[in-house]
Amino acid sequence: MKIKKIVLNIPHSRTFVPKEVTGNRQMDAAIGQKTEWLTDKLFGYEKIMHPHLEVIYDPRYNPFLNIKTHIFPYSRCYCDVERSINDPLDAEGRGIIYDFGEKISEADRQKRLFLYNQYRHELSKSIVEGTLLIDCHSFSEESEFDIRIGSNGDETQIDPVLLDYIINYFEEHKYKVGFCETSSKSITIDASAY
């Protein structure tokens, strides 16, 4: 695939929840633990323009023509745009909507589902033929790697030539890179569904 565009999906970097659902101690604690702090800065467009990340424009692979960043403006503890419809975690109150043991009104549920669908629709509109979608995350646990690259292991798996190029680039810049085989929940977009 010739890459003409990069789309960065940053779903878990924000802490905002509407004021009508604030005050739940469990939610407040979870926001502190589950927010992927500073991923919007780490992967944000202004950082990609930084010369340290010139790989984006390296003509040895492909001069990228377009980079678009999508940052979900709400906390994942309010609405998690990475979950799928009918996610098994719905039964535990940790699917698209986290309930933290409280009853969610139907109006609030519909508002959150609207935000979910709106975000995924906007993301899908950015994806055209020749687009590389990068799901941007950080992990709180200790790791032997500086950078972990993951894949769903399905038809969306990254091209091996591009994967080798990315790994070699980071290793040349003294980062320890690992490949995570367990990233089975990364966002995939079926543009025909929107």
Foldseek 3Di string as FASTA:
>chain_A
DAAQEEEEEAEAAEADDDPVPPDQPVLVVVNVVRHQHCLCVVVPPVNCPDPVNCVCCDVVRHGHNYYHYQYQHHHQQAAGLLFDVVHVCVVVCNGRYRQSPHDDDPVSVVVSVVSSVVSLLVSLVVDDPNYHYDYTGDDDDDDPFPEEAEDLPDPSDDDPVVVVVVCVVVVVVVTGYYYDDPPNRGDDHDNVVD
